[in-house]
C-alpha atoms as a PDB file:
ATOM      1  CA  MET A   1    -213.723   0.063  57.534  1.00  0.00           C
ATOM      2  CA  SER A   2    -215.401   2.643  55.285  1.00  0.00           C
ATOM      3  CA  ARG A   3    -213.337   1.237  52.341  1.00  0.00           C
ATOM      4  CA  LEU A   4    -214.324  -2.300  53.011  1.00  0.00           C
ATOM      5  CA  LEU A   5    -218.032  -1.627  52.871  1.00  0.00           C
ATOM      6  CA  PRO A   6    -218.145  -0.821  49.130  1.00  0.00           C
ATOM      7  CA  LEU A   7    -216.074  -3.948  48.501  1.00  0.00           C
ATOM      8  CA  ALA A   8    -218.334  -6.108  50.585  1.00  0.00           C
ATOM      9  CA  LEU A   9    -221.419  -4.663  48.854  1.00  0.00           C
ATOM     10  CA  LEU A  10    -219.784  -5.273  45.448  1.00  0.00           C
ATOM     11  CA  ALA A  11    -218.964  -8.869  46.355  1.00  0.00           C
ATOM     12  CA  GLY A  12    -222.492  -9.412  47.508  1.00  0.00           C
ATOM     13  CA  LEU A  13    -223.905  -8.080  44.263  1.00  0.00           C
ATOM     14  CA  VAL A  14    -221.563 -10.275  42.266  1.00  0.00           C
ATOM     15  CA  ALA A  15    -222.732 -13.338  44.164  1.00  0.00           C
ATOM     16  CA  LEU A  16    -226.383 -12.384  44.410  1.00  0.00           C
ATOM     17  CA  PRO A  17    -227.521 -14.080  41.100  1.00  0.00           C
ATOM     18  CA  LEU A  18    -226.099 -17.332  42.389  1.00  0.00           C
ATOM     19  CA  ALA A  19    -227.944 -16.986  45.568  1.00  0.00           C
ATOM     20  CA  LEU A  20    -231.181 -16.202  43.764  1.00  0.00           C
ATOM     21  CA  GLY A  21    -230.770 -19.108  41.366  1.00  0.00           C
ATOM     22  CA  ALA A  22    -230.760 -16.796  38.335  1.00  0.00           C
ATOM     23  CA  SER A  23    -234.528 -16.158  38.630  1.00  0.00           C
ATOM     24  CA  PRO A  24    -235.510 -14.150  35.500  1.00  0.00           C
ATOM     25  CA  TYR A  25    -238.126 -12.113  37.454  1.00  0.00           C
ATOM     26  CA  LEU A  26    -235.621 -11.080  40.147  1.00  0.00           C
ATOM     27  CA  LEU A  27    -232.800 -10.476  37.669  1.00  0.00           C
ATOM     28  CA  ASN A  28    -235.013  -8.148  35.692  1.00  0.00           C
ATOM     29  CA  ALA A  29    -235.858  -6.271  38.929  1.00  0.00           C
ATOM     30  CA  LEU A  30    -232.164  -6.014  39.749  1.00  0.00           C
ATOM     31  CA  ILE A  31    -231.148  -4.879  36.324  1.00  0.00           C
ATOM     32  CA  VAL A  32    -233.806  -2.033  36.196  1.00  0.00           C
ATOM     33  CA  THR A  33    -232.867  -1.093  39.736  1.00  0.00           C
ATOM     34  CA  GLY A  34    -229.155  -0.992  38.815  1.00  0.00           C
ATOM     35  CA  ILE A  35    -229.891   1.276  35.849  1.00  0.00           C
ATOM     36  CA  LEU A  36    -231.898   3.652  38.019  1.00  0.00           C
ATOM     37  CA  THR A  37    -229.176   3.608  40.592  1.00  0.00           C
ATOM     38  CA  ILE A  38    -226.616   4.705  37.969  1.00  0.00           C
ATOM     39  CA  GLY A  39    -228.915   7.587  37.141  1.00  0.00           C
ATOM     40  CA  ALA A  40    -229.229   8.377  40.873  1.00  0.00           C
ATOM     41  CA  MET A  41    -225.491   8.399  41.326  1.00  0.00           C
ATOM     42  CA  SER A  42    -225.182  10.826  38.363  1.00  0.00           C
ATOM     43  CA  LEU A  43    -227.849  13.064  39.865  1.00  0.00           C
ATOM     44  CA  ASN A  44    -226.024  12.945  43.261  1.00  0.00           C
ATOM     45  CA  LEU A  45    -222.973  14.467  41.622  1.00  0.00           C
ATOM     46  CA  LEU A  46    -225.070  17.600  40.972  1.00  0.00           C
ATOM     47  CA  LEU A  47    -227.498  17.633  43.914  1.00  0.00           C
ATOM     48  CA  GLY A  48    -225.251  16.114  46.590  1.00  0.00           C
ATOM     49  CA  PHE A  49    -221.856  17.601  45.813  1.00  0.00           C
ATOM     50  CA  THR A  50    -222.697  20.923  44.181  1.00  0.00           C
ATOM     51  CA  GLY A  51    -226.168  21.613  45.659  1.00  0.00           C
ATOM     52  CA  GLN A  52    -227.796  22.040  42.244  1.00  0.00           C
ATOM     53  CA  LEU A  53    -231.176  20.305  41.952  1.00  0.00           C
ATOM     54  CA  SER A  54    -231.902  19.101  38.341  1.00  0.00           C
ATOM     55  CA  LEU A  55    -235.508  18.057  38.022  1.00  0.00           C
ATOM     56  CA  GLY A  56    -234.970  17.477  34.247  1.00  0.00           C
ATOM     57  CA  HIS A  57    -232.275  14.924  34.688  1.00  0.00           C
ATOM     58  CA  ILE A  58    -234.408  12.360  32.941  1.00  0.00           C
ATOM     59  CA  ALA A  59    -233.738  14.258  29.689  1.00  0.00           C
ATOM     60  CA  PHE A  60    -230.184  13.044  29.650  1.00  0.00           C
ATOM     61  CA  PHE A  61    -231.243   9.560  30.358  1.00  0.00           C
ATOM     62  CA  GLY A  62    -233.640   9.638  27.417  1.00  0.00           C
ATOM     63  CA  ILE A  63    -231.121  11.249  25.140  1.00  0.00           C
ATOM     64  CA  GLY A  64    -228.678   8.500  25.826  1.00  0.00           C
ATOM     65  CA  ALA A  65    -231.398   5.891  25.139  1.00  0.00           C
ATOM     66  CA  TYR A  66    -232.648   7.382  21.881  1.00  0.00           C
ATOM     67  CA  VAL A  67    -229.216   8.239  20.426  1.00  0.00           C
ATOM     68  CA  SER A  68    -227.854   4.751  21.268  1.00  0.00           C
ATOM     69  CA  ALA A  69    -230.984   3.096  19.775  1.00  0.00           C
ATOM     70  CA  LEU A  70    -230.965   5.130  16.627  1.00  0.00           C
ATOM     71  CA  THR A  71    -227.224   4.662  16.123  1.00  0.00           C
ATOM     72  CA  SER A  72    -227.654   0.864  16.235  1.00  0.00           C
ATOM     73  CA  LEU A  73    -230.931   0.744  14.267  1.00  0.00           C
ATOM     74  CA  GLY A  74    -230.062   3.306  11.538  1.00  0.00           C
ATOM     75  CA  PHE A  75    -232.547   5.841  10.174  1.00  0.00           C
ATOM     76  CA  ASP A  76    -233.645   7.689   6.943  1.00  0.00           C
ATOM     77  CA  VAL A  77    -235.152  11.155   7.593  1.00  0.00           C
ATOM     78  CA  GLU A  78    -236.039  14.167   5.531  1.00  0.00           C
ATOM     79  CA  LEU A  79    -234.799  17.430   7.136  1.00  0.00           C
ATOM     80  CA  GLY A  80    -236.372  19.748   4.512  1.00  0.00           C
ATOM     81  CA  PHE A  81    -234.907  21.899   1.648  1.00  0.00           C
ATOM     82  CA  GLY A  82    -234.099  18.607  -0.219  1.00  0.00           C
ATOM     83  CA  LEU A  83    -231.751  17.522   2.582  1.00  0.00           C
ATOM     84  CA  ARG A  84    -232.026  13.842   3.491  1.00  0.00           C
ATOM     85  CA  VAL A  85    -229.958  12.073   6.189  1.00  0.00           C
ATOM     86  CA  VAL A  86    -229.399   8.336   5.813  1.00  0.00           C
ATOM     87  CA  HIS A  87    -227.593   6.441   8.568  1.00  0.00           C
ATOM     88  CA  GLU A  88    -226.736   2.732   8.281  1.00  0.00           C
ATOM     89  CA  PRO A  89    -226.847   0.722  11.455  1.00  0.00           C
ATOM     90  CA  TRP A  90    -223.696   0.682  13.576  1.00  0.00           C
ATOM     91  CA  PRO A  91    -222.686  -1.718  16.411  1.00  0.00           C
ATOM     92  CA  ALA A  92    -224.560  -1.350  19.578  1.00  0.00           C
ATOM     93  CA  ALA A  93    -221.325  -0.686  21.544  1.00  0.00           C
ATOM     94  CA  ILE A  94    -220.697   2.393  19.302  1.00  0.00           C
ATOM     95  CA  GLY A  95    -224.293   3.497  20.035  1.00  0.00           C
ATOM     96  CA  PHE A  96    -223.638   3.176  23.787  1.00  0.00           C
ATOM     97  CA  ALA A  97    -220.528   5.390  23.424  1.00  0.00           C
ATOM     98  CA  LEU A  98    -222.279   7.983  21.229  1.00  0.00           C
ATOM     99  CA  GLY A  99    -225.360   8.085  23.580  1.00  0.00           C
ATOM    100  CA  THR A 100    -223.059   8.774  26.476  1.00  0.00           C
ATOM    101  CA  LEU A 101    -221.215  11.485  24.486  1.00  0.00           C
ATOM    102  CA  ALA A 102    -224.493  13.098  23.250  1.00  0.00           C
ATOM    103  CA  ALA A 103    -225.868  13.249  26.780  1.00  0.00           C
ATOM    104  CA  GLY A 104    -222.608  14.807  28.068  1.00  0.00           C
ATOM    105  CA  ALA A 105    -222.749  17.428  25.184  1.00  0.00           C
ATOM    106  CA  CYS A 106    -226.300  18.365  26.158  1.00  0.00           C
ATOM    107  CA  GLY A 107    -225.191  18.640  29.775  1.00  0.00           C
ATOM    108  CA  TRP A 108    -222.478  21.111  28.737  1.00  0.00           C
ATOM    109  CA  LEU A 109    -225.041  23.159  26.741  1.00  0.00           C
ATOM    110  CA  ILE A 110    -227.470  23.270  29.647  1.00  0.00           C
ATOM    111  CA  GLY A 111    -224.635  24.055  32.068  1.00  0.00           C
ATOM    112  CA  ARG A 112    -223.316  26.997  29.954  1.00  0.00           C
ATOM    113  CA  LEU A 113    -226.812  28.387  29.617  1.00  0.00           C
ATOM    114  CA  SER A 114    -228.340  27.858  33.091  1.00  0.00           C
ATOM    115  CA  PHE A 115    -225.412  28.008  35.635  1.00  0.00           C
ATOM    116  CA  ARG A 116    -225.445  31.738  35.365  1.00  0.00           C
ATOM    117  CA  VAL A 117    -228.542  31.560  37.408  1.00  0.00           C
ATOM    118  CA  ARG A 118    -229.199  29.664  40.603  1.00  0.00           C
ATOM    119  CA  GLY A 119    -231.878  28.146  42.700  1.00  0.00           C
ATOM    120  CA  ALA A 120    -235.413  28.000  41.197  1.00  0.00           C
ATOM    121  CA  TYR A 121    -234.228  29.362  37.938  1.00  0.00           C
ATOM    122  CA  PHE A 122    -231.914  26.437  37.289  1.00  0.00           C
ATOM    123  CA  VAL A 123    -234.738  23.938  38.227  1.00  0.00           C
ATOM    124  CA  ILE A 124    -237.100  25.569  35.776  1.00  0.00           C
ATOM    125  CA  VAL A 125    -234.516  25.514  32.906  1.00  0.00           C
ATOM    126  CA  THR A 126    -233.862  21.706  33.479  1.00  0.00           C
ATOM    127  CA  ILE A 127    -237.545  20.880  33.621  1.00  0.00           C
ATOM    128  CA  SER A 128    -238.236  22.965  30.463  1.00  0.00           C
ATOM    129  CA  PHE A 129    -235.327  21.153  28.682  1.00  0.00           C
ATOM    130  CA  ALA A 130    -236.633  17.786  29.640  1.00  0.00           C
ATOM    131  CA  GLU A 131    -240.209  18.643  28.342  1.00  0.00           C
ATOM    132  CA  VAL A 132    -238.840  20.015  25.004  1.00  0.00           C
ATOM    133  CA  VAL A 133    -236.819  16.807  24.451  1.00  0.00           C
ATOM    134  CA  ARG A 134    -239.889  14.708  25.263  1.00  0.00           C
ATOM    135  CA  LEU A 135    -242.068  16.627  22.789  1.00  0.00           C
ATOM    136  CA  VAL A 136    -239.413  16.105  20.119  1.00  0.00           C
ATOM    137  CA  ALA A 137    -239.331  12.417  20.735  1.00  0.00           C
ATOM    138  CA  LEU A 138    -243.086  12.266  20.726  1.00  0.00           C
ATOM    139  CA  ASN A 139    -243.708  14.322  17.554  1.00  0.00           C
ATOM    140  CA  TRP A 140    -240.783  13.584  15.256  1.00  0.00           C
ATOM    141  CA  VAL A 141    -242.340  10.394  14.116  1.00  0.00           C
ATOM    142  CA  GLU A 142    -240.198   9.933  11.082  1.00  0.00           C
ATOM    143  CA  LEU A 143    -237.161   9.621  13.261  1.00  0.00           C
ATOM    144  CA  THR A 144    -238.356   8.234  16.643  1.00  0.00           C
ATOM    145  CA  GLN A 145    -241.623   6.581  15.575  1.00  0.00           C
ATOM    146  CA  GLY A 146    -243.289   8.721  18.216  1.00  0.00           C
ATOM    147  CA  PRO A 147    -245.724   6.836  20.483  1.00  0.00           C
ATOM    148  CA  LEU A 148    -245.363   3.790  18.354  1.00  0.00           C
ATOM    149  CA  ALA A 149    -241.909   3.282  19.881  1.00  0.00           C
ATOM    150  CA  LEU A 150    -238.543   2.181  18.545  1.00  0.00           C
ATOM    151  CA  THR A 151    -238.527  -1.599  18.431  1.00  0.00           C
ATOM    152  CA  GLY A 152    -235.991  -4.235  17.610  1.00  0.00           C
ATOM    153  CA  ILE A 153    -233.052  -2.445  19.296  1.00  0.00           C
ATOM    154  CA  PRO A 154    -230.148  -4.898  19.282  1.00  0.00           C
ATOM    155  CA  PRO A 155    -228.393  -6.030  22.379  1.00  0.00           C
ATOM    156  CA  ILE A 156    -224.917  -4.780  23.101  1.00  0.00           C
ATOM    157  CA  THR A 157    -222.122  -6.953  21.700  1.00  0.00           C
ATOM    158  CA  LEU A 158    -218.692  -6.966  23.320  1.00  0.00           C
ATOM    159  CA  GLY A 159    -215.500  -8.229  21.666  1.00  0.00           C
ATOM    160  CA  LEU A 160    -211.818  -8.583  22.442  1.00  0.00           C
ATOM    161  CA  PRO A 161    -209.145  -9.166  19.782  1.00  0.00           C
ATOM    162  CA  GLY A 162    -208.324 -12.815  19.544  1.00  0.00           C
ATOM    163  CA  LEU A 163    -211.150 -13.863  21.970  1.00  0.00           C
ATOM    164  CA  GLY A 164    -214.170 -13.374  19.756  1.00  0.00           C
ATOM    165  CA  THR A 165    -217.380 -11.521  20.553  1.00  0.00           C
ATOM    166  CA  TRP A 166    -220.167 -11.883  23.050  1.00  0.00           C
ATOM    167  CA  THR A 167    -223.752 -10.712  22.428  1.00  0.00           C
ATOM    168  CA  LEU A 168    -225.370  -9.948  25.780  1.00  0.00           C
ATOM    169  CA  ARG A 169    -228.792 -11.434  25.240  1.00  0.00           C
ATOM    170  CA  THR A 170    -229.605 -13.078  28.598  1.00  0.00           C
ATOM    171  CA  LYS A 171    -230.675 -11.358  31.816  1.00  0.00           C
ATOM    172  CA  LEU A 172    -227.629 -12.672  33.622  1.00  0.00           C
ATOM    173  CA  GLN A 173    -225.189 -11.157  31.096  1.00  0.00           C
ATOM    174  CA  ASN A 174    -227.042  -7.867  31.219  1.00  0.00           C
ATOM    175  CA  TYR A 175    -226.976  -7.986  35.022  1.00  0.00           C
ATOM    176  CA  TYR A 176    -223.194  -8.115  35.094  1.00  0.00           C
ATOM    177  CA  LEU A 177    -222.905  -5.473  32.414  1.00  0.00           C
ATOM    178  CA  VAL A 178    -224.982  -3.100  34.437  1.00  0.00           C
ATOM    179  CA  LEU A 179    -223.013  -3.969  37.599  1.00  0.00           C
ATOM    180  CA  ALA A 180    -219.718  -3.247  35.678  1.00  0.00           C
ATOM    181  CA  VAL A 181    -220.908   0.089  34.394  1.00  0.00           C
ATOM    182  CA  GLY A 182    -222.282   1.051  37.762  1.00  0.00           C
ATOM    183  CA  THR A 183    -218.975   0.173  39.471  1.00  0.00           C
ATOM    184  CA  LEU A 184    -217.048   2.205  36.893  1.00  0.00           C
ATOM    185  CA  CYS A 185    -219.313   5.192  37.439  1.00  0.00           C
ATOM    186  CA  TRP A 186    -218.943   4.876  41.190  1.00  0.00           C
ATOM    187  CA  LEU A 187    -215.176   4.752  40.896  1.00  0.00           C
ATOM    188  CA  VAL A 188    -215.139   7.884  38.659  1.00  0.00           C
ATOM    189  CA  ILE A 189    -217.267   9.804  41.107  1.00  0.00           C
ATOM    190  CA  ALA A 190    -215.157   8.670  44.033  1.00  0.00           C
ATOM    191  CA  ARG A 191    -212.000   9.722  42.282  1.00  0.00           C
ATOM    192  CA  LEU A 192    -213.539  13.100  41.278  1.00  0.00           C
ATOM    193  CA  VAL A 193    -214.853  13.879  44.611  1.00  0.00           C
ATOM    194  CA  GLY A 194    -211.526  13.179  46.310  1.00  0.00           C
ATOM    195  CA  SER A 195    -209.643  15.441  43.951  1.00  0.00           C
ATOM    196  CA  ARG A 196    -209.025  19.157  43.941  1.00  0.00           C
ATOM    197  CA  PHE A 197    -212.032  19.608  41.578  1.00  0.00           C
ATOM    198  CA  GLY A 198    -214.203  17.720  44.144  1.00  0.00           C
ATOM    199  CA  ARG A 199    -213.150  20.076  46.861  1.00  0.00           C
ATOM    200  CA  ALA A 200    -214.062  23.010  44.588  1.00  0.00           C
ATOM    201  CA  MET A 201    -217.585  21.486  44.100  1.00  0.00           C
ATOM    202  CA  ARG A 202    -218.053  21.149  47.799  1.00  0.00           C
ATOM    203  CA  GLY A 203    -216.752  24.639  48.401  1.00  0.00           C
ATOM    204  CA  LEU A 204    -219.366  26.100  46.008  1.00  0.00           C
ATOM    205  CA  LYS A 205    -222.095  24.103  47.850  1.00  0.00           C
ATOM    206  CA  GLU A 206    -221.098  25.119  51.344  1.00  0.00           C
ATOM    207  CA  ASN A 207    -220.177  28.792  50.758  1.00  0.00           C
ATOM    208  CA  GLU A 208    -220.241  30.093  47.196  1.00  0.00           C
ATOM    209  CA  SER A 209    -219.046  33.584  48.152  1.00  0.00           C
ATOM    210  CA  LEU A 210    -216.054  32.253  49.967  1.00  0.00           C
ATOM    211  CA  ALA A 211    -215.201  29.848  47.088  1.00  0.00           C
ATOM    212  CA  LEU A 212    -215.337  32.677  44.537  1.00  0.00           C
ATOM    213  CA  SER A 213    -213.083  34.767  46.762  1.00  0.00           C
ATOM    214  CA  VAL A 214    -210.326  32.132  46.634  1.00  0.00           C
ATOM    215  CA  GLY A 215    -210.397  31.932  42.922  1.00  0.00           C
ATOM    216  CA  ILE A 216    -212.814  28.967  42.158  1.00  0.00           C
ATOM    217  CA  ASN A 217    -214.441  29.525  38.742  1.00  0.00           C
ATOM    218  CA  ALA A 218    -218.082  28.611  39.662  1.00  0.00           C
ATOM    219  CA  THR A 219    -219.512  28.430  36.155  1.00  0.00           C
ATOM    220  CA  ARG A 220    -216.667  26.204  34.865  1.00  0.00           C
ATOM    221  CA  THR A 221    -216.791  23.976  37.844  1.00  0.00           C
ATOM    222  CA  LEU A 222    -220.465  23.466  37.776  1.00  0.00           C
ATOM    223  CA  THR A 223    -220.520  23.039  33.990  1.00  0.00           C
ATOM    224  CA  VAL A 224    -217.925  20.198  34.190  1.00  0.00           C
ATOM    225  CA  ALA A 225    -219.950  18.568  36.931  1.00  0.00           C
ATOM    226  CA  ALA A 226    -223.017  18.757  34.745  1.00  0.00           C
ATOM    227  CA  VAL A 227    -221.180  17.261  31.737  1.00  0.00           C
ATOM    228  CA  ILE A 228    -220.028  14.243  33.739  1.00  0.00           C
ATOM    229  CA  SER A 229    -223.383  13.822  35.443  1.00  0.00           C
ATOM    230  CA  ALA A 230    -225.301  14.026  32.189  1.00  0.00           C
ATOM    231  CA  ALA A 231    -222.861  11.608  30.466  1.00  0.00           C
ATOM    232  CA  MET A 232    -223.426   9.030  33.286  1.00  0.00           C
ATOM    233  CA  ALA A 233    -227.214   9.392  32.954  1.00  0.00           C
ATOM    234  CA  GLY A 234    -226.827   8.955  29.187  1.00  0.00           C
ATOM    235  CA  ALA A 235    -224.928   5.708  29.783  1.00  0.00           C
ATOM    236  CA  ALA A 236    -227.764   4.554  32.088  1.00  0.00           C
ATOM    237  CA  GLY A 237    -230.288   5.385  29.341  1.00  0.00           C
ATOM    238  CA  SER A 238    -228.284   3.517  26.724  1.00  0.00           C
ATOM    239  CA  LEU A 239    -228.133   0.401  28.958  1.00  0.00           C
ATOM    240  CA  TYR A 240    -231.977   0.668  29.417  1.00  0.00           C
ATOM    241  CA  ALA A 241    -232.642   0.883  25.627  1.00  0.00           C
ATOM    242  CA  HIS A 242    -230.415  -2.133  24.804  1.00  0.00           C
ATOM    243  CA  TYR A 243    -231.751  -4.223  27.630  1.00  0.00           C
ATOM    244  CA  LEU A 244    -235.536  -3.667  26.993  1.00  0.00           C
ATOM    245  CA  ARG A 245    -234.909  -3.406  23.193  1.00  0.00           C
ATOM    246  CA  ILE A 246    -237.832  -1.066  22.880  1.00  0.00           C
ATOM    247  CA  ILE A 247    -238.214   2.620  23.928  1.00  0.00           C
ATOM    248  CA  ASP A 248    -240.920   5.266  23.495  1.00  0.00           C
ATOM    249  CA  PRO A 249    -241.340   8.900  24.735  1.00  0.00           C
ATOM    250  CA  ASP A 250    -242.459   7.550  28.182  1.00  0.00           C
ATOM    251  CA  VAL A 251    -238.753   7.163  28.939  1.00  0.00           C
ATOM    252  CA  PHE A 252    -238.802  10.840  29.693  1.00  0.00           C
ATOM    253  CA  ALA A 253    -241.473  10.461  32.409  1.00  0.00           C
ATOM    254  CA  PHE A 254    -241.015  13.002  35.210  1.00  0.00           C
ATOM    255  CA  THR A 255    -241.774  10.231  37.743  1.00  0.00           C
ATOM    256  CA  THR A 256    -238.382   8.685  36.844  1.00  0.00           C
ATOM    257  CA  THR A 257    -236.578  11.866  37.909  1.00  0.00           C
ATOM    258  CA  VAL A 258    -238.646  11.889  41.147  1.00  0.00           C
ATOM    259  CA  SER A 259    -237.569   8.298  41.803  1.00  0.00           C
ATOM    260  CA  MET A 260    -233.863   9.243  41.308  1.00  0.00           C
ATOM    261  CA  VAL A 261    -234.275  12.184  43.755  1.00  0.00           C
ATOM    262  CA  ILE A 262    -235.942   9.869  46.320  1.00  0.00           C
ATOM    263  CA  MET A 263    -232.985   7.445  45.993  1.00  0.00           C
ATOM    264  CA  VAL A 264    -230.393  10.268  46.453  1.00  0.00           C
ATOM    265  CA  VAL A 265    -232.151  12.061  49.359  1.00  0.00           C
ATOM    266  CA  ALA A 266    -233.184   8.902  51.268  1.00  0.00           C
ATOM    267  CA  GLY A 267    -229.858   7.210  50.848  1.00  0.00           C
ATOM    268  CA  GLY A 268    -227.875  10.372  51.780  1.00  0.00           C
ATOM    269  CA  LYS A 269    -227.102  13.129  49.307  1.00  0.00           C
ATOM    270  CA  GLY A 270    -223.425  14.122  49.130  1.00  0.00           C
ATOM    271  CA  THR A 271    -222.209  10.646  50.000  1.00  0.00           C
ATOM    272  CA  LEU A 272    -220.674   8.003  47.768  1.00  0.00           C
ATOM    273  CA  MET A 273    -222.798   5.099  49.037  1.00  0.00           C
ATOM    274  CA  GLY A 274    -226.005   7.042  49.572  1.00  0.00           C
ATOM    275  CA  PRO A 275    -227.504   6.684  46.046  1.00  0.00           C
ATOM    276  CA  VAL A 276    -226.486   2.992  45.948  1.00  0.00           C
ATOM    277  CA  VAL A 277    -228.202   2.173  49.283  1.00  0.00           C
ATOM    278  CA  GLY A 278    -231.219   4.372  48.364  1.00  0.00           C
ATOM    279  CA  GLY A 279    -231.406   2.857  44.924  1.00  0.00           C
ATOM    280  CA  LEU A 280    -231.403  -0.747  46.240  1.00  0.00           C
ATOM    281  CA  ILE A 281    -234.016  -0.016  48.910  1.00  0.00           C
ATOM    282  CA  PHE A 282    -236.476   1.979  46.821  1.00  0.00           C
ATOM    283  CA  GLY A 283    -235.831   0.091  43.592  1.00  0.00           C
ATOM    284  CA  LEU A 284    -236.521  -3.248  45.067  1.00  0.00           C
ATOM    285  CA  LEU A 285    -239.223  -2.225  47.636  1.00  0.00           C
ATOM    286  CA  PRO A 286    -242.070  -2.272  45.080  1.00  0.00           C
ATOM    287  CA  VAL A 287    -240.864  -5.781  43.904  1.00  0.00           C
ATOM    288  CA  ALA A 288    -240.968  -7.026  47.483  1.00  0.00           C
ATOM    289  CA  LEU A 289    -244.462  -5.580  48.042  1.00  0.00           C
ATOM    290  CA  ARG A 290    -246.081  -6.628  44.799  1.00  0.00           C
ATOM    291  CA  PRO A 291    -246.768 -10.272  45.774  1.00  0.00           C
ATOM    292  CA  VAL A 292    -248.492  -9.348  49.071  1.00  0.00           C
ATOM    293  CA  MET A 293    -250.571  -6.212  48.476  1.00  0.00           C
ATOM    294  CA  ALA A 294    -252.517  -4.275  45.853  1.00  0.00           C
ATOM    295  CA  PRO A 295    -250.831  -1.589  43.778  1.00  0.00           C
ATOM    296  CA  GLU A 296    -252.611   1.245  45.731  1.00  0.00           C
ATOM    297  CA  ALA A 297    -251.369  -0.137  49.012  1.00  0.00           C
ATOM    298  CA  GLN A 298    -247.814  -0.599  47.673  1.00  0.00           C
ATOM    299  CA  TRP A 299    -247.477   3.123  47.042  1.00  0.00           C
ATOM    300  CA  ILE A 300    -248.934   3.950  50.448  1.00  0.00           C
ATOM    301  CA  VAL A 301    -246.277   1.741  52.012  1.00  0.00           C
ATOM    302  CA  TYR A 302    -243.643   3.182  49.797  1.00  0.00           C
ATOM    303  CA  GLY A 303    -244.521   6.700  50.926  1.00  0.00           C
ATOM    304  CA  LEU A 304    -244.657   5.718  54.588  1.00  0.00           C
ATOM    305  CA  VAL A 305    -241.200   4.024  54.471  1.00  0.00           C
ATOM    306  CA  LEU A 306    -239.765   7.202  52.924  1.00  0.00           C
ATOM    307  CA  ILE A 307    -241.362   9.453  55.585  1.00  0.00           C
ATOM    308  CA  VAL A 308    -240.130   7.235  58.427  1.00  0.00           C
ATOM    309  CA  ILE A 309    -236.559   7.106  56.972  1.00  0.00           C
ATOM    310  CA  LEU A 310    -236.379  10.923  56.616  1.00  0.00           C
ATOM    311  CA  PHE A 311    -238.052  11.499  60.033  1.00  0.00           C
ATOM    312  CA  VAL A 312    -235.608   9.114  61.849  1.00  0.00           C
ATOM    313  CA  MET A 313    -232.529  10.025  59.751  1.00  0.00           C
ATOM    314  CA  PRO A 314    -233.057  13.450  58.161  1.00  0.00           C
ATOM    315  CA  ARG A 315    -229.759  13.449  56.364  1.00  0.00           C
ATOM    316  CA  GLY A 316    -230.331  10.023  54.846  1.00  0.00           C
ATOM    317  CA  ILE A 317    -229.628   6.454  55.655  1.00  0.00           C
ATOM    318  CA  VAL A 318    -225.839   6.409  55.095  1.00  0.00           C
ATOM    319  CA  PRO A 319    -225.058   9.559  57.101  1.00  0.00           C
ATOM    320  CA  GLY A 320    -227.514   8.422  59.773  1.00  0.00           C
ATOM    321  CA  LEU A 321    -226.009   5.028  60.251  1.00  0.00           C
ATOM    322  CA  ALA A 322    -222.496   6.631  60.178  1.00  0.00           C
ATOM    323  CA  GLY A 323    -223.583   9.020  62.960  1.00  0.00           C
ATOM    324  CA  LEU A 324    -224.878   6.145  65.051  1.00  0.00           C
ATOM    325  CA  VAL A 325    -221.569   4.298  64.716  1.00  0.00           C
ATOM    326  CA  ARG A 326    -219.619   7.296  65.687  1.00  0.00           C
ATOM    327  CA  ARG A 327    -221.790   7.951  68.754  1.00  0.00           C
ATOM    328  CA  ARG A 328    -221.637   4.406  69.970  1.00  0.00           C
ATOM    329  CA  PRO A 329    -219.736   4.376  73.215  1.00  0.00           C
ATOM    330  CA  SER A 330    -216.463   2.580  73.134  1.00  0.00           C
ATOM    331  CA  PRO A 331    -215.912  -0.261  75.644  1.00  0.00           C
ATOM    332  CA  PRO A 332    -214.264   0.860  78.799  1.00  0.00           C
ATOM    333  CA  ALA A 333    -210.585   0.178  79.189  1.00  0.00           C
ATOM    334  CA  PRO A 334    -209.800  -2.680  81.593  1.00  0.00           C
ATOM    335  CA  VAL A 335    -208.895  -1.536  85.087  1.00  0.00           C
ATOM    336  CA  LEU A 336    -205.599  -3.194  86.310  1.00  0.00           C
ATOM    337  CA  GLU A 337    -205.893  -3.798  90.032  1.00  0.00           C
ATOM    338  CA  PRO A 338    -202.663  -3.899  91.966  1.00  0.00           C
ATOM    339  CA  GLY A 339    -201.619  -7.387  92.866  1.00  0.00           C
ATOM    340  CA  PRO A 340    -200.251  -8.590  96.250  1.00  0.00           C
ATOM    341  CA  ALA A 341    -196.891  -7.143  97.212  1.00  0.00           C
ATOM    342  CA  VAL A 342    -193.967  -9.388  96.602  1.00  0.00           C
ATOM    343  CA  GLN A 343    -191.860  -9.998  99.727  1.00  0.00           C
ATOM    344  CA  ARG A 344    -188.238 -10.461  99.412  1.00  0.00           C
END
């Protein structure tokens, strides 16, 4: 049954644009929600399966967005000492790959530097890193255009030998691209969590001292998890840049990280479906409330819904519902009454 639920949800998401009549407004909401859900899934790999809270996770999202955009736009910058770097525009698909790799490399760097500490120290390191990256994007105007934003980012073009190329310009095409990338990320996380490496991650989360005593390399395990998590966040950021076709330093807003944390915690951290369910609920809730109430009232309702969910189901929606299903009493077995004796 648990394996059928993700397939049913995927089938529903595939058919959803047909049910909505391809409404541009709703498709836009679904695309942005899907991108944030990919970011939430990547954060869940750290927060849910290793117990490490990264409040600077938006840095990897923004790095993926900027690297992918600059790769596809090209740039000409002066680095000083007579050194000038000129880059001609490359295809957006290459930019997507480089944005993902660059975010993963930054995840490796942060992991190597910060996983020697734990708890509040790791949180401070990640927040500081995100703020440094935001300031670079804001002030290196020659490269990033600063607050003026990078504009004219080309859409992603896909191609297969002998079948031609497709430029993903419409919202419907971008919706299915986001859905495909999100499904791939979910499969990678599911495969990783079910492996020996995944058991090592959970061991470090549950009892680090015991995990170390059986030979698990804590720094290496957490660093690899950070690399994969950061790369997925970078992929989400790249999708965001090529979909909106404009980005500015506000892409590093701390509120986006908070939104991802809400999606993970409310949906159920440490579960595969938790970030997906939380992402769909808290990504689409503002869209559902927008036509019926003022912005101030929307955020009040948003907070109340979050409080009620965490009060009723402290471990999140997915674990809470799973617990209710397990506690549901099974129907009593039928009682067979003896029939009349057969006389011979």
